[in-house]
Amino acid sequence: MLNRRRFLSLLALLPWGFPTAVLAARQLVTLRQSVNEQRNRIVFEFDGKVEIERKFAIKNPPRYVLDIKRARISKSVPKSPRFDRNGIVKGLRSNVSKDGTLRLVLDLKRLVPAEVSKWLTTDGKKDRIVVDFLGSFVVPKQTRKPSTPERKPSDRAPTPSISSRSRRLVVAIDPGHGGKDPGAVGKGKTREKDVVLSISKKLYKLFKADPRITPYLTRNRDVFLRLHQRTRIARNKKADLFVSVHADAARRRSARGASVYALSTRGSSSAHARWLADRENAADLKGGIEISGRDPDVQKVLLSMSQNAVQEYSLNAGELMVNSLKRVGKMHSQRVERAGFAVLKSPDIPSILVETGFISNVHEEKLLRTKNHQRRVALALRSGIRNYFNKMPEYS
């Protein structure tokens, strides 16, 4: 007669792995692609979180392989999806192994470098696996299609193709402070509100010439805006990214370098981040009314189930902005700092705050006043924003 311990040891030897893998399998529910002059992007969206087991390229014939643990393809996905003829991908094959691993094979016209990344959807519950094939692709200009194309009754319905997104993205540029709130004031009487407005206007002009991105300024003159008004403007414009531009100050005059901040609702990443957030959040007091407990948008943020996902997107944007600003000069922090900035508390817009330098530092104050340095900062901000949109599959 088997005792309990013996029974459990025999139970462990049974091949439970296969049925468990099947039951726990995530489904590939959507395929999407985009092609531009430098990149052919393929996006695989699943109905939950997945793990990439392996990824590799094969030369002959050229193809790229992805192995996804415990996954399968939904019936809603076409078995033979059509790919853009201007891209590098010409077909997709798949199979599921006995252990539940989904193998995706992308047949290519030729072998090119590939980058694979994984992103959460905005609700924070699902994974997208993004494959970027890098190279030079000729994309012809789109011609306007007839509003009601003719179709013969005998024509067969075409095979469903992967959808391709193409729309103008919106960036809300927020020059900090303004009006009765000068912000930080340097030893040479340089006011933060003037410097950041000048940089923001330069950034705005750069994006006005961009065919893909539409910029909006929360203020284009010397006026006072409450913090919740700034985020409300961004939401009214349906912004895809909110960038608040500032010029830092510190009790220590030797402090210097740019910094990038994202929202934290659980505490600040450093003492300076906490001090800075307290100082920036106090800006509303200059208007005579404290926003604490009054702003319905902020209250919604604290209750929003999607805030964690928005914070992840904000951190991604912040990291790319840090990399861009490194090319301009010294960084005060090599990572994205986190603090409870009220101006970043939008429940549905990834938001970052950029301190372009320390206006309290005599050397950086002089730099921040020059048009040449302001333009260099604006170019770095544009580069960081572009990189964010290029990397995020949400905006492809």
Protein backbone atom coordinates (compact mmCIF):
# COMPACT_ATOMS: atom_id res chain seq x y z
CA MET A 1 0.00 0.00 0.00
CA LEU A 2 1.39 3.40 -0.96
CA ASN A 3 1.99 5.95 1.75
CA ARG A 4 1.49 9.68 1.10
CA ARG A 5 5.17 10.47 0.48
CA ARG A 6 5.59 7.59 -1.98
CA PHE A 7 2.41 8.59 -3.81
CA LEU A 8 3.60 12.18 -4.23
CA SER A 9 7.01 11.05 -5.49
CA LEU A 10 5.39 8.88 -8.17
CA LEU A 11 2.99 11.68 -9.05
CA ALA A 12 5.93 13.97 -9.76
CA LEU A 13 7.21 11.52 -12.41
CA LEU A 14 4.03 11.72 -14.47
CA PRO A 15 4.15 13.83 -17.68
CA TRP A 16 2.07 16.71 -16.39
CA GLY A 17 4.15 19.30 -18.22
CA PHE A 18 2.40 18.99 -21.55
CA PRO A 19 -1.22 19.41 -20.42
CA THR A 20 -0.23 22.22 -18.07
CA ALA A 21 1.52 24.06 -20.94
CA VAL A 22 -1.55 23.73 -23.10
CA LEU A 23 -3.89 25.02 -20.40
CA ALA A 24 -1.64 27.98 -19.59
CA ALA A 25 -0.94 28.90 -23.22
CA ARG A 26 -1.25 32.52 -24.23
CA GLN A 27 -2.72 33.34 -27.60
CA LEU A 28 -1.25 35.44 -30.37
CA VAL A 29 -4.28 37.58 -31.17
CA THR A 30 -3.01 40.36 -33.46
CA LEU A 31 -0.34 40.88 -36.10
CA ARG A 32 0.60 44.35 -37.24
CA GLN A 33 3.28 45.79 -39.47
CA SER A 34 4.71 49.10 -40.63
CA VAL A 35 7.34 49.91 -43.22
CA ASN A 36 9.34 53.09 -43.63
CA GLU A 37 12.66 53.99 -45.25
CA GLN A 38 14.80 52.62 -42.42
CA ARG A 39 12.75 49.86 -40.82
CA ASN A 40 10.24 47.06 -41.33
CA ARG A 41 8.42 46.50 -38.03
CA ILE A 42 6.38 43.41 -37.20
CA VAL A 43 4.31 43.45 -33.99
CA PHE A 44 2.96 40.27 -32.38
CA GLU A 45 0.35 41.02 -29.72
CA PHE A 46 -0.67 38.36 -27.19
CA ASP A 47 -3.63 38.14 -24.82
CA GLY A 48 -1.33 38.08 -21.79
CA LYS A 49 2.32 38.12 -20.75
CA VAL A 50 4.72 35.82 -22.57
CA GLU A 51 8.37 34.84 -22.48
CA ILE A 52 10.77 34.71 -25.42
CA GLU A 53 12.75 31.48 -25.19
CA ARG A 54 14.98 31.91 -28.24
CA LYS A 55 15.49 34.26 -31.18
CA PHE A 56 17.88 33.73 -34.07
CA ALA A 57 18.42 34.24 -37.80
CA ILE A 58 19.15 31.59 -40.45
CA LYS A 59 21.03 32.46 -43.64
CA ASN A 60 19.86 29.86 -46.15
CA PRO A 61 17.09 30.41 -46.93
CA PRO A 62 16.94 33.78 -45.10
CA ARG A 63 14.53 33.72 -42.17
CA TYR A 64 14.14 34.87 -38.59
CA VAL A 65 12.92 32.56 -35.83
CA LEU A 66 11.19 33.34 -32.53
CA ASP A 67 10.37 30.71 -29.90
CA ILE A 68 7.67 31.80 -27.42
CA LYS A 69 7.04 29.71 -24.31
CA ARG A 70 3.53 28.35 -23.71
CA ALA A 71 1.80 30.13 -26.59
CA ARG A 72 -0.29 29.42 -29.65
CA ILE A 73 -1.94 31.34 -32.48
CA SER A 74 -5.57 32.40 -32.18
CA LYS A 75 -8.02 31.38 -34.92
CA SER A 76 -8.65 35.09 -35.50
CA VAL A 77 -5.15 35.47 -36.97
CA PRO A 78 -4.87 34.62 -40.71
CA LYS A 79 -2.89 31.45 -41.42
CA SER A 80 -1.14 33.12 -44.35
CA PRO A 81 -1.13 36.88 -43.66
CA ARG A 82 -0.09 39.20 -46.46
CA PHE A 83 2.96 41.39 -45.91
CA ASP A 84 3.77 44.76 -47.42
CA ARG A 85 5.62 44.16 -50.68
CA ASN A 86 7.95 47.09 -49.89
CA GLY A 87 9.16 45.38 -46.71
CA ILE A 88 11.66 42.62 -46.08
CA VAL A 89 9.21 39.98 -44.80
CA LYS A 90 7.48 37.80 -47.37
CA GLY A 91 5.78 35.14 -45.24
CA LEU A 92 5.05 33.69 -41.81
CA ARG A 93 5.06 30.04 -40.72
CA SER A 94 4.40 28.58 -37.28
CA ASN A 95 4.11 25.41 -35.26
CA VAL A 96 3.70 24.39 -31.61
CA SER A 97 6.07 21.83 -30.06
CA LYS A 98 5.07 19.14 -27.58
CA ASP A 99 6.13 21.29 -24.63
CA GLY A 100 3.84 24.12 -25.77
CA THR A 101 6.50 26.37 -27.32
CA LEU A 102 5.23 28.43 -30.26
CA ARG A 103 7.76 28.81 -33.06
CA LEU A 104 7.26 31.76 -35.40
CA VAL A 105 9.30 31.74 -38.61
CA LEU A 106 9.44 34.96 -40.65
CA ASP A 107 10.60 34.24 -44.20
CA LEU A 108 12.72 37.10 -45.54
CA LYS A 109 13.69 38.38 -48.97
CA ARG A 110 17.23 38.79 -47.70
CA LEU A 111 19.01 38.71 -44.36
CA VAL A 112 19.18 42.09 -42.57
CA PRO A 113 19.93 43.08 -38.96
CA ALA A 114 17.02 42.59 -36.57
CA GLU A 115 16.17 44.01 -33.14
CA VAL A 116 13.64 42.27 -30.88
CA SER A 117 11.97 43.95 -27.91
CA LYS A 118 8.97 43.32 -25.68
CA TRP A 119 6.50 45.98 -24.59
CA LEU A 120 3.46 46.03 -22.36
CA THR A 121 0.15 47.23 -23.72
CA THR A 122 -1.22 50.40 -22.12
CA ASP A 123 -3.38 48.38 -19.71
CA GLY A 124 -0.22 46.70 -18.39
CA LYS A 125 -1.66 43.20 -18.80
CA LYS A 126 -0.54 42.07 -22.25
CA ASP A 127 2.75 41.71 -24.09
CA ARG A 128 3.71 42.81 -27.56
CA ILE A 129 6.80 41.31 -29.16
CA VAL A 130 8.28 43.75 -31.65
CA VAL A 131 10.70 42.71 -34.40
CA ASP A 132 12.44 45.56 -36.22
CA PHE A 133 14.25 44.61 -39.43
CA LEU A 134 16.72 47.40 -40.15
CA GLY A 135 17.83 48.42 -43.60
CA SER A 136 16.96 50.62 -46.56
CA PHE A 137 13.44 50.16 -47.86
CA VAL A 138 11.89 52.05 -50.77
CA VAL A 139 8.39 53.12 -49.78
CA PRO A 140 6.44 54.82 -52.60
CA LYS A 141 4.25 57.80 -51.81
CA GLN A 142 0.68 56.81 -51.10
CA THR A 143 -1.88 57.79 -53.67
CA ARG A 144 -5.41 58.68 -52.68
CA LYS A 145 -7.76 55.75 -53.16
CA PRO A 146 -11.27 56.23 -54.55
CA SER A 147 -13.85 56.64 -51.81
CA THR A 148 -15.97 53.85 -53.33
CA PRO A 149 -13.71 51.48 -55.26
CA GLU A 150 -15.35 49.44 -57.96
CA ARG A 151 -15.57 45.71 -57.43
CA LYS A 152 -16.92 43.09 -59.72
CA PRO A 153 -19.44 40.67 -58.20
CA SER A 154 -17.22 37.77 -59.18
CA ASP A 155 -14.19 39.15 -57.33
CA ARG A 156 -13.15 37.11 -54.33
CA ALA A 157 -12.56 38.81 -51.00
CA PRO A 158 -8.82 39.35 -50.46
CA THR A 159 -6.89 37.54 -47.77
CA PRO A 160 -6.88 39.58 -44.52
CA SER A 161 -3.64 41.52 -44.22
CA ILE A 162 -1.73 42.86 -41.27
CA SER A 163 -2.97 46.30 -40.34
CA SER A 164 -0.57 49.25 -40.67
CA ARG A 165 -0.93 52.39 -38.58
CA SER A 166 -0.15 55.80 -40.00
CA ARG A 167 -1.23 58.95 -38.15
CA ARG A 168 0.26 62.14 -36.80
CA LEU A 169 1.46 61.85 -33.23
CA VAL A 170 0.88 64.64 -30.72
CA VAL A 171 3.47 66.02 -28.29
CA ALA A 172 2.47 68.44 -25.55
CA ILE A 173 5.44 70.70 -24.74
CA ASP A 174 5.07 72.33 -21.34
CA PRO A 175 7.37 75.29 -20.50
CA GLY A 176 7.47 75.30 -16.70
CA HIS A 177 6.38 78.20 -14.49
CA GLY A 178 5.36 81.55 -16.06
CA GLY A 179 3.61 84.81 -15.14
CA LYS A 180 3.71 85.50 -11.41
CA ASP A 181 5.79 82.34 -10.95
CA PRO A 182 9.35 82.98 -12.25
CA GLY A 183 10.65 79.59 -11.18
CA ALA A 184 14.29 79.44 -10.14
CA VAL A 185 16.37 82.61 -10.49
CA GLY A 186 20.09 82.44 -11.14
CA LYS A 187 22.82 84.58 -9.64
CA GLY A 188 22.83 86.64 -12.86
CA LYS A 189 19.05 87.24 -12.49
CA THR A 190 18.18 84.73 -15.23
CA ARG A 191 14.64 83.50 -14.70
CA GLU A 192 13.74 79.88 -15.27
CA LYS A 193 10.38 80.75 -16.85
CA ASP A 194 12.11 82.73 -19.63
CA VAL A 195 14.77 80.12 -20.41
CA VAL A 196 12.38 77.17 -20.62
CA LEU A 197 9.89 79.11 -22.75
CA SER A 198 12.65 79.91 -25.23
CA ILE A 199 13.81 76.26 -25.38
CA SER A 200 10.23 75.04 -25.71
CA LYS A 201 9.50 77.43 -28.58
CA LYS A 202 12.59 76.17 -30.39
CA LEU A 203 11.45 72.58 -29.87
CA TYR A 204 7.99 73.53 -31.13
CA LYS A 205 9.44 75.02 -34.32
CA LEU A 206 11.53 71.90 -34.93
CA PHE A 207 8.45 69.70 -34.74
CA LYS A 208 6.37 72.04 -36.91
CA ALA A 209 8.58 70.88 -39.79
CA ASP A 210 8.15 67.21 -38.85
CA PRO A 211 5.63 65.39 -41.10
CA ARG A 212 4.80 62.83 -38.42
CA ILE A 213 4.51 64.81 -35.19
CA THR A 214 2.17 67.65 -34.22
CA PRO A 215 3.44 69.81 -31.32
CA TYR A 216 1.39 71.90 -28.89
CA LEU A 217 2.66 74.39 -26.31
CA THR A 218 0.81 74.59 -23.00
CA ARG A 219 1.86 78.26 -22.96
CA ASN A 220 3.49 80.34 -25.69
CA ARG A 221 3.87 83.52 -23.64
CA ASP A 222 4.60 84.66 -20.12
CA VAL A 223 1.40 83.55 -18.36
CA PHE A 224 0.70 81.64 -15.16
CA LEU A 225 -0.88 78.19 -15.48
CA ARG A 226 -1.82 75.90 -12.66
CA LEU A 227 -0.33 72.43 -12.79
CA HIS A 228 -3.63 70.68 -13.49
CA GLN A 229 -4.33 73.14 -16.33
CA ARG A 230 -1.16 72.01 -18.08
CA THR A 231 -2.14 68.35 -18.00
CA ARG A 232 -5.70 69.22 -19.02
CA ILE A 233 -4.40 71.02 -22.12
CA ALA A 234 -2.42 67.91 -23.04
CA ARG A 235 -5.45 65.68 -22.61
CA ASN A 236 -7.68 68.01 -24.64
CA LYS A 237 -5.14 67.85 -27.47
CA LYS A 238 -5.08 64.03 -27.17
CA ALA A 239 -1.33 64.08 -26.59
CA ASP A 240 0.68 60.88 -27.00
CA LEU A 241 3.49 62.30 -24.84
CA PHE A 242 3.75 65.16 -22.33
CA VAL A 243 7.16 66.80 -21.85
CA SER A 244 7.54 69.44 -19.15
CA VAL A 245 10.66 71.60 -19.61
CA HIS A 246 12.45 73.15 -16.62
CA ALA A 247 15.84 74.51 -15.52
CA ASP A 248 16.93 73.03 -12.22
CA ALA A 249 17.97 74.73 -9.00
CA ALA A 250 19.77 73.35 -5.98
CA ARG A 251 20.85 74.47 -2.57
CA ARG A 252 24.36 73.46 -3.58
CA ARG A 253 25.64 75.96 -6.17
CA SER A 254 28.15 73.50 -7.62
CA ALA A 255 25.40 71.11 -8.75
CA ARG A 256 25.21 70.91 -12.55
CA GLY A 257 23.94 68.80 -15.44
CA ALA A 258 20.60 67.81 -16.96
CA SER A 259 18.12 65.38 -15.36
CA VAL A 260 14.99 63.53 -16.45
CA TYR A 261 12.12 62.66 -14.12
CA ALA A 262 9.10 60.39 -14.26
CA LEU A 263 6.21 60.10 -11.83
CA SER A 264 6.43 58.04 -8.69
CA THR A 265 3.45 57.53 -6.37
CA ARG A 266 5.50 55.46 -3.92
CA GLY A 267 8.28 57.84 -3.01
CA SER A 268 11.20 59.64 -4.62
CA SER A 269 14.33 58.00 -5.97
CA SER A 270 16.62 60.55 -4.27
CA ALA A 271 16.56 63.34 -1.71
CA HIS A 272 17.05 65.93 -4.46
CA ALA A 273 14.15 64.47 -6.47
CA ARG A 274 11.89 64.75 -3.42
CA TRP A 275 13.00 68.32 -2.70
CA LEU A 276 12.57 69.32 -6.34
CA ALA A 277 9.08 67.81 -6.58
CA ASP A 278 8.02 69.63 -3.42
CA ARG A 279 9.28 72.92 -4.86
CA GLU A 280 7.63 72.41 -8.27
CA ASN A 281 4.33 71.28 -6.74
CA ALA A 282 4.28 74.41 -4.60
CA ALA A 283 4.06 76.53 -7.77
CA ASP A 284 0.25 76.53 -7.53
CA LEU A 285 0.48 78.31 -4.18
CA LYS A 286 1.71 81.40 -6.03
CA GLY A 287 -1.78 81.64 -7.54
CA GLY A 288 -3.33 81.80 -4.08
CA ILE A 289 -5.07 78.40 -4.01
CA GLU A 290 -3.59 75.01 -3.12
CA ILE A 291 -4.59 72.22 -5.50
CA SER A 292 -4.41 69.44 -2.93
CA GLY A 293 -7.78 67.73 -2.69
CA ARG A 294 -9.32 69.95 -5.38
CA ASP A 295 -8.13 68.68 -8.74
CA PRO A 296 -10.39 65.85 -9.96
CA ASP A 297 -7.79 64.78 -12.53
CA VAL A 298 -5.20 64.13 -9.82
CA GLN A 299 -7.74 62.19 -7.77
CA LYS A 300 -8.54 60.03 -10.79
CA VAL A 301 -4.83 59.38 -11.27
CA LEU A 302 -4.47 57.98 -7.77
CA LEU A 303 -7.39 55.64 -8.40
CA SER A 304 -6.54 54.72 -11.98
CA MET A 305 -5.83 51.06 -12.68
CA SER A 306 -3.79 52.00 -15.72
CA GLN A 307 -1.31 54.25 -13.91
CA ASN A 308 1.37 51.57 -13.57
CA ALA A 309 1.37 50.95 -17.32
CA VAL A 310 1.54 54.70 -18.05
CA GLN A 311 4.50 54.97 -15.67
CA GLU A 312 6.30 52.20 -17.56
CA TYR A 313 5.82 54.10 -20.82
CA SER A 314 7.05 57.27 -19.12
CA LEU A 315 10.19 55.50 -17.92
CA ASN A 316 10.86 54.24 -21.44
CA ALA A 317 10.55 57.79 -22.78
CA GLY A 318 12.74 59.09 -19.97
CA GLU A 319 15.53 56.60 -20.63
CA LEU A 320 15.66 57.55 -24.31
CA MET A 321 15.67 61.24 -23.35
CA VAL A 322 18.63 60.68 -21.00
CA ASN A 323 20.56 59.06 -23.86
CA SER A 324 19.88 62.06 -26.11
CA LEU A 325 20.77 64.70 -23.52
CA LYS A 326 24.11 62.99 -22.86
CA ARG A 327 25.27 64.30 -26.23
CA VAL A 328 24.69 67.90 -25.14
CA GLY A 329 26.73 67.90 -21.95
CA LYS A 330 27.12 66.58 -18.44
CA MET A 331 24.21 64.72 -16.85
CA HIS A 332 23.36 65.31 -13.22
CA SER A 333 21.85 61.82 -13.14
CA GLN A 334 22.58 58.96 -15.54
CA ARG A 335 19.19 57.36 -14.89
CA VAL A 336 15.56 58.46 -14.88
CA GLU A 337 14.77 59.84 -11.43
CA ARG A 338 11.31 59.39 -9.93
CA ALA A 339 9.27 61.73 -7.74
CA GLY A 340 5.69 62.80 -7.11
CA PHE A 341 5.45 65.70 -9.57
CA ALA A 342 1.82 66.83 -9.80
CA VAL A 343 2.33 67.97 -13.40
CA LEU A 344 3.14 64.39 -14.41
CA LYS A 345 -0.02 62.88 -12.93
CA SER A 346 -1.97 62.32 -16.11
CA PRO A 347 -3.77 58.97 -15.98
CA ASP A 348 -3.54 58.21 -19.69
CA ILE A 349 -0.55 60.15 -21.12
CA PRO A 350 3.09 59.09 -20.68
CA SER A 351 4.74 62.12 -19.07
CA ILE A 352 8.29 63.20 -18.27
CA LEU A 353 9.88 66.29 -16.75
CA VAL A 354 13.24 67.45 -18.11
CA GLU A 355 15.57 69.66 -16.09
CA THR A 356 17.76 71.11 -18.84
CA GLY A 357 20.49 72.24 -16.45
CA PHE A 358 21.08 74.00 -13.13
CA ILE A 359 20.23 77.68 -13.38
CA SER A 360 21.63 77.97 -9.85
CA ASN A 361 25.06 77.07 -11.26
CA VAL A 362 26.84 80.19 -12.58
CA HIS A 363 28.44 78.33 -15.51
CA GLU A 364 25.21 76.62 -16.60
CA GLU A 365 23.20 79.80 -16.10
CA LYS A 366 25.36 81.50 -18.73
CA LEU A 367 24.97 78.52 -21.10
CA LEU A 368 21.20 78.39 -20.68
CA ARG A 369 20.94 82.05 -21.70
CA THR A 370 22.63 81.51 -25.09
CA LYS A 371 20.53 80.76 -28.17
CA ASN A 372 23.10 78.25 -29.42
CA HIS A 373 22.91 76.11 -26.27
CA GLN A 374 19.12 76.41 -26.16
CA ARG A 375 18.94 75.08 -29.71
CA ARG A 376 21.26 72.18 -28.86
CA VAL A 377 19.00 71.27 -25.95
CA ALA A 378 15.91 71.52 -28.17
CA LEU A 379 17.53 69.24 -30.75
CA ALA A 380 18.36 66.70 -28.05
CA LEU A 381 14.76 66.80 -26.78
CA ARG A 382 13.48 66.27 -30.31
CA SER A 383 15.82 63.31 -30.77
CA GLY A 384 14.67 61.70 -27.51
CA ILE A 385 11.00 62.13 -28.41
CA ARG A 386 11.52 60.75 -31.91
CA ASN A 387 13.39 57.74 -30.56
CA TYR A 388 10.55 57.05 -28.15
CA PHE A 389 7.94 57.05 -30.89
CA ASN A 390 10.18 54.97 -33.18
CA LYS A 391 10.69 52.28 -30.58
CA MET A 392 7.18 52.06 -29.16
CA PRO A 393 4.97 49.70 -31.21
CA GLU A 394 1.94 51.61 -29.97
CA TYR A 395 2.83 54.44 -32.35
CA SER A 396 3.91 52.48 -35.42
